[in-house]
């Protein structure tokens, strides 16, 4: 039997996923990275984006809202502020959030408002990308 990776995704509220997978692709702060069985240990910061993983021929997607990834002994542990699988995402709500964020960016009066609106836009876009994979 081929080697596998245990992928665990945890948020402050819940364990989102604990599954044995073939490959993990995650949005690292310095760029996307992939993990296969036997990968060297490392720890990195995640940015808001789409985490992908494969089990056999099936690809699955989860929106992660930043956090950290640890790779150690054929296990990838994701500690995220929030994470949502494609089936959990309310597309109508995510579209409304994107529109609100875009309006807030256009109307921002200072750098703090702009930065917060930009972060909200990134979260909404990540959710929509993952939801569109269904």
C-alpha atoms as a PDB file:
ATOM      1  CA  UNK A   1       0.000   0.000   0.000  1.00  0.00           C
ATOM      2  CA  UNK A   2       1.285   3.471  -0.891  1.00  0.00           C
ATOM      3  CA  UNK A   3       2.197   5.852   1.880  1.00  0.00           C
ATOM      4  CA  UNK A   4      -0.400   8.441   2.877  1.00  0.00           C
ATOM      5  CA  UNK A   5      -0.518  11.667   4.854  1.00  0.00           C
ATOM      6  CA  UNK A   6      -2.790  12.420   7.789  1.00  0.00           C
ATOM      7  CA  UNK A   7      -4.352  15.860   7.212  1.00  0.00           C
ATOM      8  CA  UNK A   8      -5.888  17.552  10.227  1.00  0.00           C
ATOM      9  CA  UNK A   9      -7.494  20.992  10.070  1.00  0.00           C
ATOM     10  CA  UNK A  10      -8.402  22.619  13.360  1.00  0.00           C
ATOM     11  CA  UNK A  11      -9.960  25.992  14.220  1.00  0.00           C
ATOM     12  CA  UNK A  12     -10.579  27.466  17.676  1.00  0.00           C
ATOM     13  CA  UNK A  13     -14.184  26.224  17.439  1.00  0.00           C
ATOM     14  CA  UNK A  14     -13.838  22.729  15.974  1.00  0.00           C
ATOM     15  CA  UNK A  15     -11.904  20.035  14.178  1.00  0.00           C
ATOM     16  CA  UNK A  16     -12.806  20.639  10.537  1.00  0.00           C
ATOM     17  CA  UNK A  17     -11.098  17.581   9.071  1.00  0.00           C
ATOM     18  CA  UNK A  18      -9.077  14.526   9.998  1.00  0.00           C
ATOM     19  CA  UNK A  19      -8.471  12.391   6.926  1.00  0.00           C
ATOM     20  CA  UNK A  20      -5.771  10.251   5.336  1.00  0.00           C
ATOM     21  CA  UNK A  21      -4.849  11.804   1.975  1.00  0.00           C
ATOM     22  CA  UNK A  22      -2.390  11.450  -0.907  1.00  0.00           C
ATOM     23  CA  UNK A  23      -1.269  15.089  -1.317  1.00  0.00           C
ATOM     24  CA  UNK A  24      -1.904  18.489   0.292  1.00  0.00           C
ATOM     25  CA  UNK A  25      -1.531  21.875  -1.439  1.00  0.00           C
ATOM     26  CA  UNK A  26      -1.791  24.894   0.865  1.00  0.00           C
ATOM     27  CA  UNK A  27      -1.578  28.696   0.549  1.00  0.00           C
ATOM     28  CA  UNK A  28       1.634  29.537   2.400  1.00  0.00           C
ATOM     29  CA  UNK A  29       2.350  33.155   3.175  1.00  0.00           C
ATOM     30  CA  UNK A  30       5.398  32.984   0.863  1.00  0.00           C
ATOM     31  CA  UNK A  31       3.565  31.009  -1.827  1.00  0.00           C
ATOM     32  CA  UNK A  32       1.628  27.821  -2.342  1.00  0.00           C
ATOM     33  CA  UNK A  33       3.325  24.617  -1.213  1.00  0.00           C
ATOM     34  CA  UNK A  34       2.663  20.931  -1.649  1.00  0.00           C
ATOM     35  CA  UNK A  35       3.220  18.030   0.709  1.00  0.00           C
ATOM     36  CA  UNK A  36       3.639  14.391  -0.316  1.00  0.00           C
ATOM     37  CA  UNK A  37       4.396  11.407   1.945  1.00  0.00           C
ATOM     38  CA  UNK A  38       7.937  11.558   3.318  1.00  0.00           C
ATOM     39  CA  UNK A  39       8.135  15.380   3.192  1.00  0.00           C
ATOM     40  CA  UNK A  40      10.712  17.010   5.457  1.00  0.00           C
ATOM     41  CA  UNK A  41       9.361  18.604   8.643  1.00  0.00           C
ATOM     42  CA  UNK A  42       8.576  22.315   8.566  1.00  0.00           C
ATOM     43  CA  UNK A  43       6.315  24.998  10.019  1.00  0.00           C
ATOM     44  CA  UNK A  44       4.947  27.955   8.079  1.00  0.00           C
ATOM     45  CA  UNK A  45       2.384  30.705   8.206  1.00  0.00           C
ATOM     46  CA  UNK A  46      -0.685  30.451   5.955  1.00  0.00           C
ATOM     47  CA  UNK A  47      -2.462  33.235   4.155  1.00  0.00           C
ATOM     48  CA  UNK A  48      -6.174  33.376   3.379  1.00  0.00           C
ATOM     49  CA  UNK A  49      -6.872  31.070   0.455  1.00  0.00           C
ATOM     50  CA  UNK A  50      -7.763  27.662  -0.872  1.00  0.00           C
ATOM     51  CA  UNK A  51      -6.319  24.480   0.592  1.00  0.00           C
ATOM     52  CA  UNK A  52      -6.564  21.507  -1.767  1.00  0.00           C
ATOM     53  CA  UNK A  53      -6.022  17.836  -1.100  1.00  0.00           C
ATOM     54  CA  UNK A  54      -6.487  14.616  -2.995  1.00  0.00           C
ATOM     55  CA  UNK A  55      -7.743  11.220  -1.926  1.00  0.00           C
ATOM     56  CA  UNK A  56      -7.301   8.811  -4.820  1.00  0.00           C
ATOM     57  CA  UNK A  57      -8.763  10.525  -7.880  1.00  0.00           C
ATOM     58  CA  UNK A  58     -11.024  12.860  -5.856  1.00  0.00           C
ATOM     59  CA  UNK A  59      -9.872  16.437  -5.251  1.00  0.00           C
ATOM     60  CA  UNK A  60     -11.327  18.337  -2.316  1.00  0.00           C
ATOM     61  CA  UNK A  61     -11.111  21.981  -1.340  1.00  0.00           C
ATOM     62  CA  UNK A  62     -11.305  23.971   1.885  1.00  0.00           C
ATOM     63  CA  UNK A  63     -11.212  27.739   2.378  1.00  0.00           C
ATOM     64  CA  UNK A  64      -8.726  28.602   5.134  1.00  0.00           C
ATOM     65  CA  UNK A  65      -8.595  32.011   6.773  1.00  0.00           C
ATOM     66  CA  UNK A  66      -4.919  32.179   7.615  1.00  0.00           C
ATOM     67  CA  UNK A  67      -3.137  30.323  10.373  1.00  0.00           C
ATOM     68  CA  UNK A  68      -0.216  27.901  10.491  1.00  0.00           C
ATOM     69  CA  UNK A  69       0.756  24.602   8.884  1.00  0.00           C
ATOM     70  CA  UNK A  70       3.014  22.023  10.495  1.00  0.00           C
ATOM     71  CA  UNK A  71       4.416  19.079   8.547  1.00  0.00           C
ATOM     72  CA  UNK A  72       5.866  16.302  10.677  1.00  0.00           C
ATOM     73  CA  UNK A  73       6.044  12.489  10.295  1.00  0.00           C
ATOM     74  CA  UNK A  74       3.597  12.186   7.364  1.00  0.00           C
ATOM     75  CA  UNK A  75       1.101  14.444   9.086  1.00  0.00           C
ATOM     76  CA  UNK A  76      -0.017  17.930   8.061  1.00  0.00           C
ATOM     77  CA  UNK A  77      -1.681  19.897  10.837  1.00  0.00           C
ATOM     78  CA  UNK A  78      -3.422  23.122   9.894  1.00  0.00           C
ATOM     79  CA  UNK A  79      -4.254  25.531  12.716  1.00  0.00           C
ATOM     80  CA  UNK A  80      -6.551  28.087  11.097  1.00  0.00           C
ATOM     81  CA  UNK A  81      -8.533  31.060  12.373  1.00  0.00           C
ATOM     82  CA  UNK A  82     -11.461  29.617  10.366  1.00  0.00           C
ATOM     83  CA  UNK A  83     -11.910  26.965   7.687  1.00  0.00           C
ATOM     84  CA  UNK A  84     -14.873  25.892   5.565  1.00  0.00           C
ATOM     85  CA  UNK A  85     -15.299  22.943   3.218  1.00  0.00           C
ATOM     86  CA  UNK A  86     -16.985  23.537  -0.130  1.00  0.00           C
ATOM     87  CA  UNK A  87     -20.315  22.070   1.041  1.00  0.00           C
ATOM     88  CA  UNK A  88     -20.403  24.382   4.091  1.00  0.00           C
ATOM     89  CA  UNK A  89     -20.125  27.649   2.157  1.00  0.00           C
ATOM     90  CA  UNK A  90     -23.228  29.767   1.609  1.00  0.00           C
ATOM     91  CA  UNK A  91     -22.543  31.191  -1.874  1.00  0.00           C
ATOM     92  CA  UNK A  92     -25.189  33.930  -1.640  1.00  0.00           C
ATOM     93  CA  UNK A  93     -23.740  35.123   1.664  1.00  0.00           C
ATOM     94  CA  UNK A  94     -20.174  34.989   0.287  1.00  0.00           C
ATOM     95  CA  UNK A  95     -21.180  37.035  -2.783  1.00  0.00           C
ATOM     96  CA  UNK A  96     -22.864  39.631  -0.556  1.00  0.00           C
ATOM     97  CA  UNK A  97     -19.706  39.773   1.599  1.00  0.00           C
ATOM     98  CA  UNK A  98     -17.577  40.317  -1.514  1.00  0.00           C
ATOM     99  CA  UNK A  99     -19.836  43.174  -2.672  1.00  0.00           C
ATOM    100  CA  UNK A 100     -19.777  44.797   0.784  1.00  0.00           C
ATOM    101  CA  UNK A 101     -15.991  44.541   0.927  1.00  0.00           C
ATOM    102  CA  UNK A 102     -15.617  46.050  -2.545  1.00  0.00           C
ATOM    103  CA  UNK A 103     -17.857  48.987  -1.507  1.00  0.00           C
ATOM    104  CA  UNK A 104     -15.874  49.433   1.723  1.00  0.00           C
ATOM    105  CA  UNK A 105     -12.613  49.519  -0.258  1.00  0.00           C
ATOM    106  CA  UNK A 106     -13.998  52.192  -2.590  1.00  0.00           C
ATOM    107  CA  UNK A 107     -15.265  54.269   0.340  1.00  0.00           C
ATOM    108  CA  UNK A 108     -12.305  53.772   2.709  1.00  0.00           C
ATOM    109  CA  UNK A 109     -11.245  57.012   4.394  1.00  0.00           C
ATOM    110  CA  UNK A 110      -8.017  55.792   5.922  1.00  0.00           C
ATOM    111  CA  UNK A 111      -5.458  53.000   5.701  1.00  0.00           C
ATOM    112  CA  UNK A 112      -7.016  50.965   8.531  1.00  0.00           C
ATOM    113  CA  UNK A 113     -10.466  50.895   6.903  1.00  0.00           C
ATOM    114  CA  UNK A 114      -8.879  49.993   3.567  1.00  0.00           C
ATOM    115  CA  UNK A 115      -6.796  47.172   5.114  1.00  0.00           C
ATOM    116  CA  UNK A 116      -9.806  45.695   6.936  1.00  0.00           C
ATOM    117  CA  UNK A 117     -11.960  45.854   3.820  1.00  0.00           C
ATOM    118  CA  UNK A 118      -9.207  44.264   1.759  1.00  0.00           C
ATOM    119  CA  UNK A 119      -8.949  41.382   4.277  1.00  0.00           C
ATOM    120  CA  UNK A 120     -12.728  40.880   4.130  1.00  0.00           C
ATOM    121  CA  UNK A 121     -12.535  40.793   0.329  1.00  0.00           C
ATOM    122  CA  UNK A 122      -9.787  38.145   0.418  1.00  0.00           C
ATOM    123  CA  UNK A 123     -11.906  35.956   2.728  1.00  0.00           C
ATOM    124  CA  UNK A 124     -14.976  36.295   0.512  1.00  0.00           C
ATOM    125  CA  UNK A 125     -12.974  35.474  -2.631  1.00  0.00           C
ATOM    126  CA  UNK A 126     -11.438  32.394  -0.967  1.00  0.00           C
ATOM    127  CA  UNK A 127     -14.911  31.142  -0.001  1.00  0.00           C
ATOM    128  CA  UNK A 128     -16.275  31.724  -3.503  1.00  0.00           C
ATOM    129  CA  UNK A 129     -13.346  29.940  -5.180  1.00  0.00           C
ATOM    130  CA  UNK A 130     -13.840  26.906  -2.984  1.00  0.00           C
ATOM    131  CA  UNK A 131     -17.645  26.953  -3.362  1.00  0.00           C
ATOM    132  CA  UNK A 132     -17.335  27.061  -7.171  1.00  0.00           C
ATOM    133  CA  UNK A 133     -15.456  23.731  -7.086  1.00  0.00           C
ATOM    134  CA  UNK A 134     -18.617  21.822  -6.097  1.00  0.00           C
END
